[in-house]
C-alpha cells in the first residue's frame, strides 16, 4: 500500500458509528482481551468534541484506523494524576487514548503515523505539553511503536478494571516531572 492509497484527517461526529464499528471488529478479533481496553460510545463522542480530536485513516471512504487524543486539563481521567503530578503540571498533559488499526491493514506503519500526527497536534495546542498514554506490557508491538516515536515508560500500574499497564510519556525536552 502506498501513501497515496489512504488519507488522514480529523473525524467528525457523523463518523462515530464507523469508529465504534472498527473498535468492535478489533475487540472481536483480539485473542488476548487484556491487551486492549475498549472505549464507550459516549467517551468516543467526547473525543470528537474540541479541543479533543480523533484522527482517522481512510482508504477511499472506509475508516481503517484511528487515534483519539484528549486534553483533559484537571479532569479525573488525566493520566498525570496517576503519576502524582500537581495541578500545574496536570494542565499541560494530553492523553493519547485509543489507537486501532483494522487487522486487514496492519504492518503498514499506520499506528506510528497516527502517533506522530497526535504528537504534532498536541504540541501545536501547547508547546509545553506532555503527551501521556497507556500500553499493556504484553502488547509488544504497540509498546515498541510508541517507544520508537519517543515515548518513555514512566510507571507500571493497574488501570481499566485491573489491567496491567505502562503509563508512557512524550515530552520534547525528555524532562518529565518526578513520578510518585
N, C-alpha and C. Protein backbone atom coordinates (compact mmCIF):
# COMPACT_ATOMS: atom_id res chain seq x y z
N UNK A 1 0.85 -1.19 0.00
CA UNK A 1 0.00 0.00 0.00
C UNK A 1 0.88 1.24 0.00
N UNK A 2 0.58 2.18 -0.83
CA UNK A 2 1.32 3.43 -0.91
C UNK A 2 0.56 4.51 -0.16
N UNK A 3 1.28 5.55 0.25
CA UNK A 3 0.63 6.63 1.00
C UNK A 3 -0.49 7.28 0.20
N UNK A 4 -0.42 7.20 -1.12
CA UNK A 4 -1.49 7.78 -1.93
C UNK A 4 -2.78 6.95 -1.88
N UNK A 5 -2.68 5.75 -1.31
CA UNK A 5 -3.85 4.87 -1.22
C UNK A 5 -4.77 5.22 -0.05
N UNK A 6 -4.28 6.07 0.87
CA UNK A 6 -5.11 6.42 2.02
C UNK A 6 -4.92 7.89 2.39
N UNK A 7 -5.86 8.40 3.17
CA UNK A 7 -5.78 9.79 3.63
C UNK A 7 -5.98 9.82 5.14
N UNK A 8 -5.43 10.83 5.76
CA UNK A 8 -5.57 11.03 7.21
C UNK A 8 -6.25 12.38 7.41
N UNK A 9 -7.28 12.37 8.23
CA UNK A 9 -7.98 13.63 8.53
C UNK A 9 -8.70 13.50 9.87
N UNK A 10 -9.17 14.64 10.36
CA UNK A 10 -9.96 14.63 11.58
C UNK A 10 -11.31 14.00 11.31
N UNK A 11 -11.75 13.15 12.23
CA UNK A 11 -13.08 12.55 12.12
C UNK A 11 -14.13 13.52 12.64
N UNK A 12 -15.36 13.27 12.25
CA UNK A 12 -16.48 14.10 12.70
C UNK A 12 -17.46 13.24 13.49
N UNK A 13 -18.36 13.90 14.18
CA UNK A 13 -19.36 13.19 14.96
C UNK A 13 -20.21 12.28 14.08
N UNK A 14 -20.39 12.64 12.82
CA UNK A 14 -21.15 11.80 11.89
C UNK A 14 -20.47 10.46 11.64
N UNK A 15 -19.19 10.34 11.99
CA UNK A 15 -18.44 9.09 11.78
C UNK A 15 -18.33 8.24 13.04
N UNK A 16 -19.06 8.63 14.08
CA UNK A 16 -19.00 7.89 15.34
C UNK A 16 -19.37 6.42 15.16
N UNK A 17 -20.38 6.13 14.36
CA UNK A 17 -20.76 4.72 14.12
C UNK A 17 -19.61 3.95 13.48
N UNK A 18 -18.91 4.57 12.55
CA UNK A 18 -17.77 3.90 11.90
C UNK A 18 -16.65 3.64 12.92
N UNK A 19 -16.42 4.59 13.81
CA UNK A 19 -15.41 4.44 14.85
C UNK A 19 -15.78 3.27 15.76
N UNK A 20 -17.03 3.22 16.19
CA UNK A 20 -17.47 2.14 17.07
C UNK A 20 -17.43 0.80 16.36
N UNK A 21 -17.80 0.76 15.08
CA UNK A 21 -17.75 -0.49 14.32
C UNK A 21 -16.32 -1.01 14.20
N UNK A 22 -15.37 -0.13 13.92
CA UNK A 22 -13.98 -0.55 13.81
C UNK A 22 -13.49 -1.07 15.16
N UNK A 23 -13.81 -0.36 16.23
CA UNK A 23 -13.40 -0.83 17.56
C UNK A 23 -14.01 -2.20 17.86
N UNK A 24 -15.27 -2.40 17.51
CA UNK A 24 -15.93 -3.69 17.73
C UNK A 24 -15.23 -4.81 16.95
N UNK A 25 -14.80 -4.52 15.72
CA UNK A 25 -14.07 -5.53 14.94
C UNK A 25 -12.74 -5.88 15.60
N UNK A 26 -12.08 -4.88 16.14
CA UNK A 26 -10.81 -5.11 16.84
C UNK A 26 -11.05 -6.00 18.06
N UNK A 27 -12.05 -5.66 18.85
CA UNK A 27 -12.36 -6.43 20.06
C UNK A 27 -12.73 -7.88 19.72
N UNK A 28 -13.46 -8.08 18.63
CA UNK A 28 -13.87 -9.43 18.24
C UNK A 28 -12.67 -10.26 17.77
N UNK A 29 -11.65 -9.61 17.22
CA UNK A 29 -10.52 -10.33 16.65
C UNK A 29 -9.39 -10.54 17.65
N UNK A 30 -9.41 -9.85 18.76
CA UNK A 30 -8.30 -9.90 19.70
C UNK A 30 -8.30 -11.23 20.46
N UNK A 31 -7.14 -11.85 20.54
CA UNK A 31 -7.04 -13.15 21.22
C UNK A 31 -6.70 -13.00 22.70
N UNK A 32 -6.12 -11.86 23.09
CA UNK A 32 -5.79 -11.59 24.48
C UNK A 32 -6.55 -10.33 24.90
N UNK A 33 -7.73 -10.49 25.52
CA UNK A 33 -8.57 -9.33 25.85
C UNK A 33 -7.89 -8.29 26.74
N UNK A 34 -6.91 -8.68 27.55
CA UNK A 34 -6.25 -7.70 28.41
C UNK A 34 -5.36 -6.73 27.64
N UNK A 35 -5.10 -7.00 26.38
CA UNK A 35 -4.24 -6.11 25.60
C UNK A 35 -4.93 -4.81 25.24
N UNK A 36 -6.25 -4.80 25.21
CA UNK A 36 -6.99 -3.65 24.71
C UNK A 36 -8.12 -3.30 25.66
N UNK A 37 -8.24 -2.03 25.97
CA UNK A 37 -9.36 -1.53 26.77
C UNK A 37 -10.25 -0.71 25.84
N UNK A 38 -11.45 -1.20 25.58
CA UNK A 38 -12.33 -0.51 24.64
C UNK A 38 -12.85 0.80 25.25
N UNK A 39 -13.27 1.68 24.38
CA UNK A 39 -13.79 2.99 24.77
C UNK A 39 -15.28 3.02 24.48
N UNK A 40 -16.06 3.48 25.46
CA UNK A 40 -17.52 3.51 25.28
C UNK A 40 -17.90 4.60 24.27
N UNK A 41 -19.10 4.48 23.75
CA UNK A 41 -19.60 5.41 22.73
C UNK A 41 -19.57 6.86 23.22
N UNK A 42 -19.99 7.09 24.45
CA UNK A 42 -20.03 8.45 24.99
C UNK A 42 -18.62 9.06 25.06
N UNK A 43 -17.64 8.24 25.48
CA UNK A 43 -16.28 8.76 25.56
C UNK A 43 -15.73 9.04 24.16
N UNK A 44 -15.99 8.14 23.22
CA UNK A 44 -15.55 8.40 21.84
C UNK A 44 -16.21 9.67 21.30
N UNK A 45 -17.48 9.89 21.63
CA UNK A 45 -18.14 11.13 21.20
C UNK A 45 -17.45 12.34 21.81
N UNK A 46 -17.01 12.23 23.05
CA UNK A 46 -16.31 13.36 23.69
C UNK A 46 -14.97 13.65 23.00
N UNK A 47 -14.35 12.62 22.43
CA UNK A 47 -13.09 12.83 21.71
C UNK A 47 -13.33 13.55 20.38
N UNK A 48 -14.57 13.60 19.94
CA UNK A 48 -14.91 14.30 18.71
C UNK A 48 -15.34 15.75 18.97
N UNK A 49 -15.23 16.16 20.23
CA UNK A 49 -15.62 17.50 20.65
C UNK A 49 -14.36 18.30 21.00
N UNK A 50 -14.12 19.42 20.32
CA UNK A 50 -12.92 20.22 20.58
C UNK A 50 -12.79 20.60 22.06
N UNK A 51 -11.59 20.65 22.58
CA UNK A 51 -10.32 20.59 21.84
C UNK A 51 -9.86 19.17 21.51
N UNK A 52 -10.59 18.15 21.98
CA UNK A 52 -10.23 16.75 21.70
C UNK A 52 -10.43 16.45 20.22
N UNK A 53 -9.73 15.43 19.73
CA UNK A 53 -9.83 15.05 18.32
C UNK A 53 -9.68 13.55 18.17
N UNK A 54 -10.21 13.05 17.07
CA UNK A 54 -9.90 11.71 16.60
C UNK A 54 -9.40 11.85 15.17
N UNK A 55 -8.17 11.37 14.95
CA UNK A 55 -7.63 11.32 13.60
C UNK A 55 -8.00 9.97 13.00
N UNK A 56 -8.50 9.98 11.78
CA UNK A 56 -8.84 8.75 11.09
C UNK A 56 -7.99 8.57 9.85
N UNK A 57 -7.70 7.30 9.58
CA UNK A 57 -7.04 6.93 8.33
C UNK A 57 -8.11 6.27 7.47
N UNK A 58 -8.24 6.75 6.26
CA UNK A 58 -9.29 6.28 5.36
C UNK A 58 -8.68 5.71 4.09
N UNK A 59 -9.21 4.59 3.67
CA UNK A 59 -8.92 4.05 2.34
C UNK A 59 -10.19 4.31 1.55
N UNK A 60 -10.11 5.27 0.65
CA UNK A 60 -11.28 5.84 0.00
C UNK A 60 -12.20 6.36 1.11
N UNK A 61 -13.40 5.82 1.28
CA UNK A 61 -14.29 6.33 2.34
C UNK A 61 -14.34 5.42 3.55
N UNK A 62 -13.57 4.34 3.54
CA UNK A 62 -13.59 3.36 4.63
C UNK A 62 -12.59 3.73 5.72
N UNK A 63 -13.07 3.84 6.96
CA UNK A 63 -12.19 4.08 8.10
C UNK A 63 -11.42 2.80 8.40
N UNK A 64 -10.09 2.88 8.34
CA UNK A 64 -9.27 1.68 8.56
C UNK A 64 -8.39 1.79 9.81
N UNK A 65 -8.31 2.98 10.39
CA UNK A 65 -7.52 3.17 11.63
C UNK A 65 -7.91 4.52 12.22
N UNK A 66 -7.74 4.63 13.53
CA UNK A 66 -7.97 5.92 14.17
C UNK A 66 -7.19 6.03 15.46
N UNK A 67 -6.99 7.26 15.89
CA UNK A 67 -6.34 7.57 17.16
C UNK A 67 -7.12 8.69 17.83
N UNK A 68 -7.42 8.50 19.11
CA UNK A 68 -8.13 9.54 19.86
C UNK A 68 -7.17 10.28 20.78
N UNK A 69 -7.35 11.58 20.82
CA UNK A 69 -6.47 12.47 21.56
C UNK A 69 -7.32 13.41 22.41
N UNK A 70 -7.02 13.44 23.71
CA UNK A 70 -7.81 14.27 24.64
C UNK A 70 -6.92 15.26 25.37
N UNK A 71 -7.53 16.36 25.74
CA UNK A 71 -6.88 17.40 26.54
C UNK A 71 -7.68 17.56 27.82
N UNK A 72 -7.46 16.66 28.80
CA UNK A 72 -8.36 16.55 29.95
C UNK A 72 -8.21 17.64 31.02
N UNK A 73 -7.19 18.49 30.90
CA UNK A 73 -6.95 19.53 31.91
C UNK A 73 -6.96 18.90 33.31
N UNK A 74 -7.82 19.37 34.22
CA UNK A 74 -7.83 18.86 35.59
C UNK A 74 -8.80 17.70 35.82
N UNK A 75 -9.35 17.11 34.76
CA UNK A 75 -10.32 16.02 34.90
C UNK A 75 -9.67 14.80 35.56
N UNK A 76 -10.50 14.00 36.18
CA UNK A 76 -10.00 12.83 36.92
C UNK A 76 -9.33 11.79 36.04
N UNK A 77 -9.63 11.77 34.74
CA UNK A 77 -9.01 10.77 33.86
C UNK A 77 -7.68 11.24 33.26
N UNK A 78 -7.17 12.39 33.71
CA UNK A 78 -5.87 12.85 33.28
C UNK A 78 -4.82 11.90 33.85
N UNK A 79 -4.04 11.28 32.99
CA UNK A 79 -3.05 10.30 33.43
C UNK A 79 -1.97 10.91 34.32
N UNK A 80 -1.81 12.21 34.28
CA UNK A 80 -0.84 12.87 35.16
C UNK A 80 -1.14 12.65 36.64
N UNK A 81 -2.44 12.54 36.97
CA UNK A 81 -2.79 12.25 38.37
C UNK A 81 -2.20 10.92 38.81
N UNK A 82 -2.21 9.93 37.91
CA UNK A 82 -1.66 8.61 38.22
C UNK A 82 -0.16 8.67 38.50
N UNK A 83 0.47 9.71 38.02
CA UNK A 83 1.91 9.87 38.20
C UNK A 83 2.25 10.74 39.41
N UNK A 84 1.22 11.22 40.10
CA UNK A 84 1.43 12.04 41.30
C UNK A 84 1.82 13.47 41.00
N UNK A 85 1.49 13.96 39.80
CA UNK A 85 1.86 15.32 39.43
C UNK A 85 0.87 16.32 40.00
N UNK A 86 1.32 17.57 40.16
CA UNK A 86 0.47 18.62 40.73
C UNK A 86 -0.42 19.25 39.66
N UNK A 87 -1.35 20.09 40.09
CA UNK A 87 -2.35 20.64 39.16
C UNK A 87 -1.73 21.53 38.08
N UNK A 88 -0.62 22.18 38.36
CA UNK A 88 0.06 22.99 37.35
C UNK A 88 0.60 22.08 36.25
N UNK A 89 1.22 20.98 36.63
CA UNK A 89 1.76 20.03 35.66
C UNK A 89 0.64 19.33 34.89
N UNK A 90 -0.44 19.02 35.60
CA UNK A 90 -1.59 18.32 35.01
C UNK A 90 -2.18 19.11 33.84
N UNK A 91 -2.25 20.43 33.98
CA UNK A 91 -2.86 21.26 32.94
C UNK A 91 -2.15 21.14 31.59
N UNK A 92 -0.91 20.70 31.60
CA UNK A 92 -0.14 20.56 30.36
C UNK A 92 -0.14 19.14 29.81
N UNK A 93 -0.92 18.25 30.43
CA UNK A 93 -0.96 16.86 29.97
C UNK A 93 -2.06 16.66 28.93
N UNK A 94 -1.71 15.94 27.90
CA UNK A 94 -2.69 15.47 26.91
C UNK A 94 -2.68 13.94 26.99
N UNK A 95 -3.74 13.33 26.48
CA UNK A 95 -3.85 11.87 26.57
C UNK A 95 -4.08 11.27 25.19
N UNK A 96 -3.12 10.47 24.75
CA UNK A 96 -3.29 9.66 23.55
C UNK A 96 -4.02 8.41 24.01
N UNK A 97 -5.31 8.35 23.73
CA UNK A 97 -6.11 7.29 24.32
C UNK A 97 -6.06 6.03 23.47
N UNK A 98 -6.92 5.92 22.52
CA UNK A 98 -7.04 4.68 21.76
C UNK A 98 -6.44 4.82 20.37
N UNK A 99 -5.69 3.82 19.96
CA UNK A 99 -5.27 3.70 18.56
C UNK A 99 -5.67 2.31 18.11
N UNK A 100 -6.42 2.24 17.04
CA UNK A 100 -6.79 0.95 16.47
C UNK A 100 -6.50 0.95 14.98
N UNK A 101 -6.09 -0.21 14.50
CA UNK A 101 -5.83 -0.41 13.07
C UNK A 101 -6.56 -1.68 12.66
N UNK A 102 -7.36 -1.56 11.61
CA UNK A 102 -8.06 -2.72 11.07
C UNK A 102 -7.05 -3.83 10.79
N UNK A 103 -7.35 -5.07 11.22
CA UNK A 103 -6.39 -6.17 11.00
C UNK A 103 -5.97 -6.33 9.54
N UNK A 104 -6.84 -5.98 8.60
CA UNK A 104 -6.51 -6.10 7.18
C UNK A 104 -5.44 -5.10 6.74
N UNK A 105 -5.16 -4.09 7.58
CA UNK A 105 -4.24 -3.02 7.19
C UNK A 105 -3.07 -2.88 8.17
N UNK A 106 -2.82 -3.90 8.97
CA UNK A 106 -1.68 -3.85 9.90
C UNK A 106 -0.38 -4.07 9.14
N UNK A 107 0.70 -3.59 9.74
CA UNK A 107 2.01 -3.76 9.14
C UNK A 107 2.37 -2.69 8.11
N UNK A 108 1.55 -1.65 8.02
CA UNK A 108 1.78 -0.58 7.05
C UNK A 108 2.28 0.70 7.71
N UNK A 109 2.55 0.64 9.01
CA UNK A 109 3.04 1.83 9.71
C UNK A 109 1.96 2.82 10.10
N UNK A 110 0.70 2.40 10.05
CA UNK A 110 -0.39 3.33 10.35
C UNK A 110 -0.42 3.76 11.82
N UNK A 111 -0.11 2.83 12.74
CA UNK A 111 -0.10 3.20 14.15
C UNK A 111 0.95 4.28 14.40
N UNK A 112 2.14 4.10 13.89
CA UNK A 112 3.20 5.09 14.09
C UNK A 112 2.86 6.41 13.40
N UNK A 113 2.24 6.34 12.24
CA UNK A 113 1.82 7.56 11.55
C UNK A 113 0.82 8.34 12.40
N UNK A 114 -0.12 7.63 12.99
CA UNK A 114 -1.12 8.28 13.85
C UNK A 114 -0.49 8.84 15.13
N UNK A 115 0.45 8.11 15.71
CA UNK A 115 1.15 8.62 16.90
C UNK A 115 1.84 9.92 16.56
N UNK A 116 2.55 9.94 15.44
CA UNK A 116 3.27 11.15 15.01
C UNK A 116 2.30 12.31 14.78
N UNK A 117 1.16 12.03 14.16
CA UNK A 117 0.16 13.08 13.92
C UNK A 117 -0.37 13.64 15.24
N UNK A 118 -0.59 12.75 16.22
CA UNK A 118 -1.10 13.20 17.53
C UNK A 118 -0.05 14.00 18.30
N UNK A 119 1.21 13.61 18.19
CA UNK A 119 2.28 14.39 18.82
C UNK A 119 2.29 15.80 18.23
N UNK A 120 2.27 15.90 16.91
CA UNK A 120 2.30 17.22 16.26
C UNK A 120 1.10 18.07 16.67
N UNK A 121 -0.08 17.46 16.69
CA UNK A 121 -1.29 18.18 17.07
C UNK A 121 -1.19 18.69 18.50
N UNK A 122 -0.71 17.84 19.39
CA UNK A 122 -0.58 18.21 20.80
C UNK A 122 0.36 19.39 20.98
N UNK A 123 1.51 19.35 20.33
CA UNK A 123 2.50 20.41 20.50
C UNK A 123 2.05 21.72 19.85
N UNK A 124 1.19 21.65 18.84
CA UNK A 124 0.62 22.88 18.28
C UNK A 124 -0.35 23.51 19.27
N UNK A 125 -1.08 22.68 20.01
CA UNK A 125 -2.03 23.18 21.01
C UNK A 125 -1.30 23.83 22.19
N UNK A 126 -0.20 23.20 22.62
CA UNK A 126 0.56 23.67 23.78
C UNK A 126 1.99 23.15 23.65
N UNK A 127 2.93 24.01 23.28
CA UNK A 127 4.32 23.57 23.11
C UNK A 127 4.93 22.96 24.38
N UNK A 128 4.33 23.24 25.54
CA UNK A 128 4.83 22.68 26.80
C UNK A 128 4.11 21.40 27.20
N UNK A 129 3.33 20.85 26.29
CA UNK A 129 2.55 19.64 26.59
C UNK A 129 3.43 18.44 26.88
N UNK A 130 2.87 17.57 27.70
CA UNK A 130 3.39 16.22 27.89
C UNK A 130 2.27 15.30 27.43
N UNK A 131 2.57 14.48 26.45
CA UNK A 131 1.58 13.56 25.91
C UNK A 131 1.74 12.22 26.62
N UNK A 132 0.66 11.76 27.25
CA UNK A 132 0.68 10.51 28.01
C UNK A 132 -0.21 9.47 27.35
N UNK A 133 0.15 8.21 27.52
CA UNK A 133 -0.65 7.11 27.00
C UNK A 133 -0.44 5.89 27.88
N UNK A 134 -1.27 4.88 27.70
CA UNK A 134 -1.09 3.62 28.40
C UNK A 134 -0.98 2.49 27.37
N UNK A 135 -0.16 1.50 27.71
CA UNK A 135 0.01 0.32 26.85
C UNK A 135 0.19 -0.89 27.76
N UNK A 136 -0.42 -1.99 27.38
CA UNK A 136 -0.21 -3.24 28.11
C UNK A 136 1.24 -3.68 27.95
N UNK A 137 1.88 -4.09 29.05
CA UNK A 137 3.25 -4.62 28.92
C UNK A 137 3.33 -5.83 27.99
N UNK A 138 2.22 -6.52 27.79
CA UNK A 138 2.19 -7.69 26.91
C UNK A 138 1.97 -7.33 25.45
N UNK A 139 1.61 -6.08 25.17
CA UNK A 139 1.37 -5.66 23.79
C UNK A 139 2.68 -5.12 23.22
N UNK A 140 3.57 -6.04 22.89
CA UNK A 140 4.92 -5.67 22.49
C UNK A 140 4.95 -4.83 21.22
N UNK A 141 4.04 -5.09 20.30
CA UNK A 141 4.00 -4.33 19.04
C UNK A 141 3.70 -2.85 19.33
N UNK A 142 2.62 -2.60 20.09
CA UNK A 142 2.26 -1.21 20.39
C UNK A 142 3.30 -0.55 21.28
N UNK A 143 3.83 -1.30 22.22
CA UNK A 143 4.85 -0.75 23.11
C UNK A 143 6.07 -0.31 22.30
N UNK A 144 6.50 -1.15 21.38
CA UNK A 144 7.65 -0.81 20.54
C UNK A 144 7.35 0.42 19.68
N UNK A 145 6.14 0.49 19.14
CA UNK A 145 5.79 1.64 18.30
C UNK A 145 5.80 2.95 19.07
N UNK A 146 5.20 2.98 20.25
CA UNK A 146 5.20 4.25 21.00
C UNK A 146 6.61 4.61 21.45
N UNK A 147 7.39 3.62 21.84
CA UNK A 147 8.76 3.92 22.24
C UNK A 147 9.60 4.41 21.06
N UNK A 148 9.38 3.83 19.88
CA UNK A 148 10.10 4.29 18.69
C UNK A 148 9.72 5.72 18.30
N UNK A 149 8.56 6.17 18.74
CA UNK A 149 8.13 7.56 18.48
C UNK A 149 8.55 8.51 19.60
N UNK A 150 9.33 8.01 20.58
CA UNK A 150 9.90 8.88 21.61
C UNK A 150 9.24 8.81 22.98
N UNK A 151 8.25 7.94 23.17
CA UNK A 151 7.62 7.80 24.48
C UNK A 151 8.52 7.01 25.41
N UNK A 152 8.50 7.39 26.69
CA UNK A 152 9.27 6.71 27.72
C UNK A 152 8.32 6.12 28.75
N UNK A 153 8.67 4.94 29.26
CA UNK A 153 7.88 4.33 30.34
C UNK A 153 8.11 5.14 31.61
N UNK A 154 7.01 5.59 32.21
CA UNK A 154 7.09 6.39 33.43
C UNK A 154 6.63 5.61 34.65
N UNK A 155 5.70 4.66 34.46
CA UNK A 155 5.15 3.93 35.61
C UNK A 155 4.45 2.67 35.10
N UNK A 156 4.45 1.64 35.94
CA UNK A 156 3.67 0.43 35.68
C UNK A 156 2.61 0.35 36.77
N UNK A 157 1.35 0.11 36.35
CA UNK A 157 0.26 0.10 37.33
C UNK A 157 -0.95 -0.64 36.79
N UNK A 158 -1.94 -0.84 37.65
CA UNK A 158 -3.21 -1.43 37.23
C UNK A 158 -4.16 -0.31 36.84
N UNK A 159 -4.81 -0.47 35.67
CA UNK A 159 -5.77 0.50 35.15
C UNK A 159 -6.94 -0.27 34.55
N UNK A 160 -8.00 0.43 34.21
CA UNK A 160 -9.11 -0.13 33.42
C UNK A 160 -9.65 -1.43 34.01
N UNK A 161 -9.99 -1.39 35.29
CA UNK A 161 -10.57 -2.56 35.93
C UNK A 161 -9.56 -3.65 36.24
N UNK A 162 -8.33 -3.27 36.56
CA UNK A 162 -7.34 -4.24 36.99
C UNK A 162 -6.41 -4.76 35.90
N UNK A 163 -6.35 -4.07 34.77
CA UNK A 163 -5.45 -4.50 33.69
C UNK A 163 -4.08 -3.85 33.87
N UNK A 164 -3.04 -4.66 33.73
CA UNK A 164 -1.67 -4.19 33.86
C UNK A 164 -1.35 -3.24 32.71
N UNK A 165 -0.81 -2.06 33.04
CA UNK A 165 -0.48 -1.07 32.02
C UNK A 165 0.81 -0.32 32.38
N UNK A 166 1.53 0.06 31.32
CA UNK A 166 2.57 1.07 31.46
C UNK A 166 1.91 2.41 31.19
N UNK A 167 2.29 3.43 31.94
CA UNK A 167 1.98 4.81 31.58
C UNK A 167 3.26 5.34 30.95
N UNK A 168 3.13 5.78 29.71
CA UNK A 168 4.27 6.30 28.97
C UNK A 168 4.05 7.77 28.65
N UNK A 169 5.13 8.49 28.52
CA UNK A 169 5.03 9.91 28.21
C UNK A 169 5.96 10.33 27.11
N UNK A 170 5.50 11.36 26.40
CA UNK A 170 6.31 12.02 25.37
C UNK A 170 6.43 13.48 25.76
N UNK A 171 7.66 13.95 25.85
CA UNK A 171 7.94 15.35 26.16
C UNK A 171 9.12 15.75 25.29
N UNK A 172 8.98 16.81 24.50
CA UNK A 172 10.07 17.17 23.57
C UNK A 172 11.42 17.32 24.26
N UNK A 173 11.43 17.84 25.48
CA UNK A 173 12.69 18.02 26.19
C UNK A 173 13.20 16.73 26.81
N UNK A 174 12.30 15.74 26.96
CA UNK A 174 12.68 14.50 27.63
C UNK A 174 12.74 14.63 29.13
N UNK A 175 12.43 15.82 29.64
CA UNK A 175 12.47 16.09 31.08
C UNK A 175 11.06 16.05 31.65
N UNK A 176 10.77 15.00 32.40
CA UNK A 176 9.45 14.83 33.00
C UNK A 176 9.48 15.23 34.46
N UNK A 177 8.34 15.71 34.99
CA UNK A 177 8.27 15.90 36.45
C UNK A 177 8.52 14.57 37.14
N UNK A 178 8.92 14.62 38.39
CA UNK A 178 9.17 13.38 39.15
C UNK A 178 7.88 12.59 39.26
N UNK A 179 7.99 11.28 39.10
CA UNK A 179 6.85 10.37 39.20
C UNK A 179 6.80 9.82 40.61
N UNK A 180 5.58 9.80 41.16
CA UNK A 180 5.43 9.29 42.53
C UNK A 180 4.64 8.02 42.54
